[in-house]
Amino acid sequence: MKREGTKPAAEPAVWRQPDGNPLSCEEKIDVLRENLVEIQEACQEALEDAVLMDVDEAQFRQVLRDLVDGLNNPYAKK
């Protein structure tokens, strides 16, 4: 689902490449933005479900942080 014009709550002013240069390809930036909006929506829904099921909000937020910290970069240079 395309959400044109929607901006995620957490998007940097400038996306950077690994060498520090700004990412200039608008199509790539649009994909990043769309992905962040989808992630934000899924996380919001999961948080709402957790709270409705009487899960501690702080604990759930920590679980989300841990999930992100545990993501694996399959393209990392070795």
N, C-alpha and C. Protein backbone atom coordinates (compact mmCIF):
# COMPACT_ATOMS: atom_id res chain seq x y z
N MET A 1 0.84 -1.17 0.00
CA MET A 1 0.00 0.00 0.00
C MET A 1 0.90 1.24 0.00
N LYS A 2 0.70 2.10 -0.95
CA LYS A 2 1.49 3.32 -1.06
C LYS A 2 0.88 4.43 -0.25
N ARG A 3 1.71 5.12 0.54
CA ARG A 3 1.24 6.19 1.40
C ARG A 3 1.96 7.48 1.03
N GLU A 4 1.74 7.94 -0.17
CA GLU A 4 2.43 9.14 -0.63
C GLU A 4 2.07 10.34 0.23
N GLY A 5 3.07 11.13 0.55
CA GLY A 5 2.85 12.32 1.34
C GLY A 5 2.90 12.06 2.83
N THR A 6 2.90 10.79 3.23
CA THR A 6 2.96 10.46 4.65
C THR A 6 4.43 10.43 5.07
N LYS A 7 4.70 11.07 6.19
CA LYS A 7 6.07 11.11 6.69
C LYS A 7 6.12 10.41 8.04
N PRO A 8 7.06 9.49 8.21
CA PRO A 8 7.17 8.81 9.51
C PRO A 8 7.63 9.76 10.59
N ALA A 9 7.31 9.42 11.83
CA ALA A 9 7.69 10.26 12.97
C ALA A 9 9.21 10.34 13.13
N ALA A 10 9.90 9.28 12.77
CA ALA A 10 11.36 9.23 12.95
C ALA A 10 12.04 9.09 11.60
N GLU A 11 12.26 10.20 10.95
CA GLU A 11 12.99 10.19 9.68
C GLU A 11 14.06 11.27 9.75
N PRO A 12 15.29 10.91 9.42
CA PRO A 12 16.34 11.93 9.48
C PRO A 12 16.13 13.00 8.40
N ALA A 13 16.65 14.18 8.65
CA ALA A 13 16.56 15.26 7.66
C ALA A 13 17.35 14.88 6.41
N VAL A 14 18.43 14.14 6.61
CA VAL A 14 19.28 13.70 5.49
C VAL A 14 19.64 12.24 5.71
N TRP A 15 19.39 11.40 4.71
CA TRP A 15 19.85 10.02 4.75
C TRP A 15 21.30 10.01 4.29
N ARG A 16 22.13 9.27 4.97
CA ARG A 16 23.56 9.22 4.66
C ARG A 16 23.97 7.85 4.16
N GLN A 17 24.92 7.86 3.23
CA GLN A 17 25.55 6.64 2.75
C GLN A 17 26.63 6.24 3.76
N PRO A 18 27.12 5.01 3.67
CA PRO A 18 28.16 4.58 4.62
C PRO A 18 29.39 5.49 4.66
N ASP A 19 29.69 6.16 3.55
CA ASP A 19 30.86 7.05 3.53
C ASP A 19 30.55 8.44 4.08
N GLY A 20 29.29 8.65 4.50
CA GLY A 20 28.90 9.94 5.08
C GLY A 20 28.26 10.90 4.10
N ASN A 21 28.37 10.64 2.83
CA ASN A 21 27.75 11.51 1.83
C ASN A 21 26.23 11.35 1.87
N PRO A 22 25.51 12.42 1.55
CA PRO A 22 24.05 12.32 1.56
C PRO A 22 23.54 11.44 0.42
N LEU A 23 22.48 10.70 0.71
CA LEU A 23 21.81 9.92 -0.32
C LEU A 23 20.99 10.89 -1.16
N SER A 24 21.17 10.85 -2.46
CA SER A 24 20.50 11.83 -3.30
C SER A 24 19.39 11.25 -4.18
N CYS A 25 19.30 9.94 -4.28
CA CYS A 25 18.31 9.30 -5.14
C CYS A 25 16.93 9.39 -4.48
N GLU A 26 16.04 10.17 -5.09
CA GLU A 26 14.70 10.37 -4.52
C GLU A 26 13.90 9.08 -4.46
N GLU A 27 14.09 8.18 -5.42
CA GLU A 27 13.37 6.91 -5.41
C GLU A 27 13.77 6.08 -4.19
N LYS A 28 15.06 6.06 -3.87
CA LYS A 28 15.54 5.32 -2.70
C LYS A 28 14.99 5.95 -1.42
N ILE A 29 14.98 7.26 -1.36
CA ILE A 29 14.45 7.97 -0.19
C ILE A 29 12.97 7.68 -0.03
N ASP A 30 12.24 7.64 -1.13
CA ASP A 30 10.80 7.31 -1.08
C ASP A 30 10.57 5.91 -0.53
N VAL A 31 11.40 4.94 -0.96
CA VAL A 31 11.28 3.57 -0.46
C VAL A 31 11.57 3.52 1.03
N LEU A 32 12.62 4.21 1.46
CA LEU A 32 12.94 4.27 2.89
C LEU A 32 11.77 4.85 3.69
N ARG A 33 11.21 5.94 3.18
CA ARG A 33 10.09 6.60 3.85
C ARG A 33 8.87 5.65 3.93
N GLU A 34 8.55 5.00 2.82
CA GLU A 34 7.42 4.07 2.81
C GLU A 34 7.64 2.93 3.80
N ASN A 35 8.86 2.40 3.86
CA ASN A 35 9.17 1.32 4.80
C ASN A 35 9.00 1.80 6.24
N LEU A 36 9.48 3.00 6.54
CA LEU A 36 9.35 3.52 7.90
C LEU A 36 7.90 3.75 8.29
N VAL A 37 7.10 4.21 7.36
CA VAL A 37 5.67 4.41 7.65
C VAL A 37 5.02 3.06 7.96
N GLU A 38 5.34 2.04 7.18
CA GLU A 38 4.78 0.71 7.43
C GLU A 38 5.22 0.18 8.79
N ILE A 39 6.50 0.35 9.12
CA ILE A 39 7.02 -0.11 10.42
C ILE A 39 6.33 0.64 11.54
N GLN A 40 6.20 1.95 11.39
CA GLN A 40 5.55 2.77 12.41
C GLN A 40 4.11 2.31 12.64
N GLU A 41 3.38 2.07 11.58
CA GLU A 41 1.99 1.64 11.70
C GLU A 41 1.90 0.28 12.38
N ALA A 42 2.78 -0.66 11.99
CA ALA A 42 2.76 -1.99 12.60
C ALA A 42 3.11 -1.92 14.09
N CYS A 43 4.11 -1.12 14.42
CA CYS A 43 4.51 -0.96 15.83
C CYS A 43 3.41 -0.30 16.64
N GLN A 44 2.75 0.69 16.06
CA GLN A 44 1.65 1.37 16.76
C GLN A 44 0.52 0.39 17.06
N GLU A 45 0.15 -0.41 16.07
CA GLU A 45 -0.91 -1.39 16.26
C GLU A 45 -0.51 -2.43 17.31
N ALA A 46 0.75 -2.88 17.27
CA ALA A 46 1.22 -3.87 18.24
C ALA A 46 1.23 -3.29 19.66
N LEU A 47 1.63 -2.02 19.78
CA LEU A 47 1.62 -1.37 21.09
C LEU A 47 0.19 -1.27 21.62
N GLU A 48 -0.73 -0.85 20.78
CA GLU A 48 -2.12 -0.74 21.19
C GLU A 48 -2.67 -2.10 21.63
N ASP A 49 -2.36 -3.16 20.87
CA ASP A 49 -2.80 -4.50 21.25
C ASP A 49 -2.22 -4.89 22.60
N ALA A 50 -0.92 -4.65 22.78
CA ALA A 50 -0.26 -5.02 24.03
C ALA A 50 -0.90 -4.31 25.22
N VAL A 51 -1.13 -3.01 25.07
CA VAL A 51 -1.74 -2.24 26.17
C VAL A 51 -3.16 -2.73 26.46
N LEU A 52 -3.92 -3.02 25.40
CA LEU A 52 -5.28 -3.54 25.59
C LEU A 52 -5.27 -4.90 26.28
N MET A 53 -4.19 -5.67 26.09
CA MET A 53 -4.07 -6.98 26.74
C MET A 53 -3.40 -6.88 28.10
N ASP A 54 -3.25 -5.64 28.60
CA ASP A 54 -2.71 -5.36 29.93
C ASP A 54 -1.23 -5.70 30.08
N VAL A 55 -0.47 -5.55 28.99
CA VAL A 55 0.98 -5.69 29.03
C VAL A 55 1.58 -4.35 29.44
N ASP A 56 2.63 -4.38 30.24
CA ASP A 56 3.30 -3.15 30.65
C ASP A 56 3.86 -2.43 29.42
N GLU A 57 3.46 -1.17 29.25
CA GLU A 57 3.87 -0.40 28.08
C GLU A 57 5.38 -0.26 27.99
N ALA A 58 6.03 0.06 29.10
CA ALA A 58 7.48 0.24 29.10
C ALA A 58 8.18 -1.05 28.69
N GLN A 59 7.70 -2.18 29.18
CA GLN A 59 8.30 -3.46 28.82
C GLN A 59 8.14 -3.71 27.32
N PHE A 60 6.95 -3.43 26.80
CA PHE A 60 6.72 -3.67 25.37
C PHE A 60 7.62 -2.78 24.51
N ARG A 61 7.76 -1.52 24.92
CA ARG A 61 8.65 -0.63 24.17
C ARG A 61 10.10 -1.15 24.20
N GLN A 62 10.52 -1.71 25.33
CA GLN A 62 11.86 -2.26 25.42
C GLN A 62 12.01 -3.48 24.49
N VAL A 63 10.97 -4.28 24.41
CA VAL A 63 10.99 -5.43 23.51
C VAL A 63 11.16 -4.94 22.06
N LEU A 64 10.46 -3.88 21.68
CA LEU A 64 10.62 -3.33 20.33
C LEU A 64 12.05 -2.84 20.10
N ARG A 65 12.64 -2.16 21.10
CA ARG A 65 14.03 -1.70 20.98
C ARG A 65 14.96 -2.89 20.81
N ASP A 66 14.75 -3.93 21.62
CA ASP A 66 15.59 -5.13 21.53
C ASP A 66 15.46 -5.79 20.18
N LEU A 67 14.23 -5.79 19.64
CA LEU A 67 14.01 -6.37 18.33
C LEU A 67 14.84 -5.64 17.27
N VAL A 68 14.82 -4.33 17.31
CA VAL A 68 15.59 -3.53 16.34
C VAL A 68 17.09 -3.77 16.54
N ASP A 69 17.52 -3.77 17.80
CA ASP A 69 18.95 -3.99 18.07
C ASP A 69 19.42 -5.36 17.61
N GLY A 70 18.51 -6.33 17.53
CA GLY A 70 18.86 -7.67 17.12
C GLY A 70 18.79 -7.93 15.63
N LEU A 71 18.41 -6.92 14.86
CA LEU A 71 18.35 -7.11 13.40
C LEU A 71 19.74 -7.39 12.84
N ASN A 72 19.79 -8.26 11.85
CA ASN A 72 21.05 -8.69 11.24
C ASN A 72 21.20 -8.05 9.87
N ASN A 73 22.38 -7.49 9.59
CA ASN A 73 22.67 -6.95 8.27
C ASN A 73 23.31 -8.06 7.43
N PRO A 74 22.55 -8.65 6.50
CA PRO A 74 23.11 -9.74 5.70
C PRO A 74 24.13 -9.26 4.67
N TYR A 75 24.25 -7.96 4.50
CA TYR A 75 25.16 -7.40 3.51
C TYR A 75 26.42 -6.80 4.12
N ALA A 76 26.61 -6.99 5.42
CA ALA A 76 27.77 -6.42 6.11
C ALA A 76 29.05 -6.97 5.48
N LYS A 77 30.01 -6.08 5.32
CA LYS A 77 31.30 -6.47 4.76
C LYS A 77 32.12 -7.12 5.85
N LYS A 78 32.70 -8.25 5.52
CA LYS A 78 33.46 -9.02 6.52
C LYS A 78 34.94 -8.90 6.30
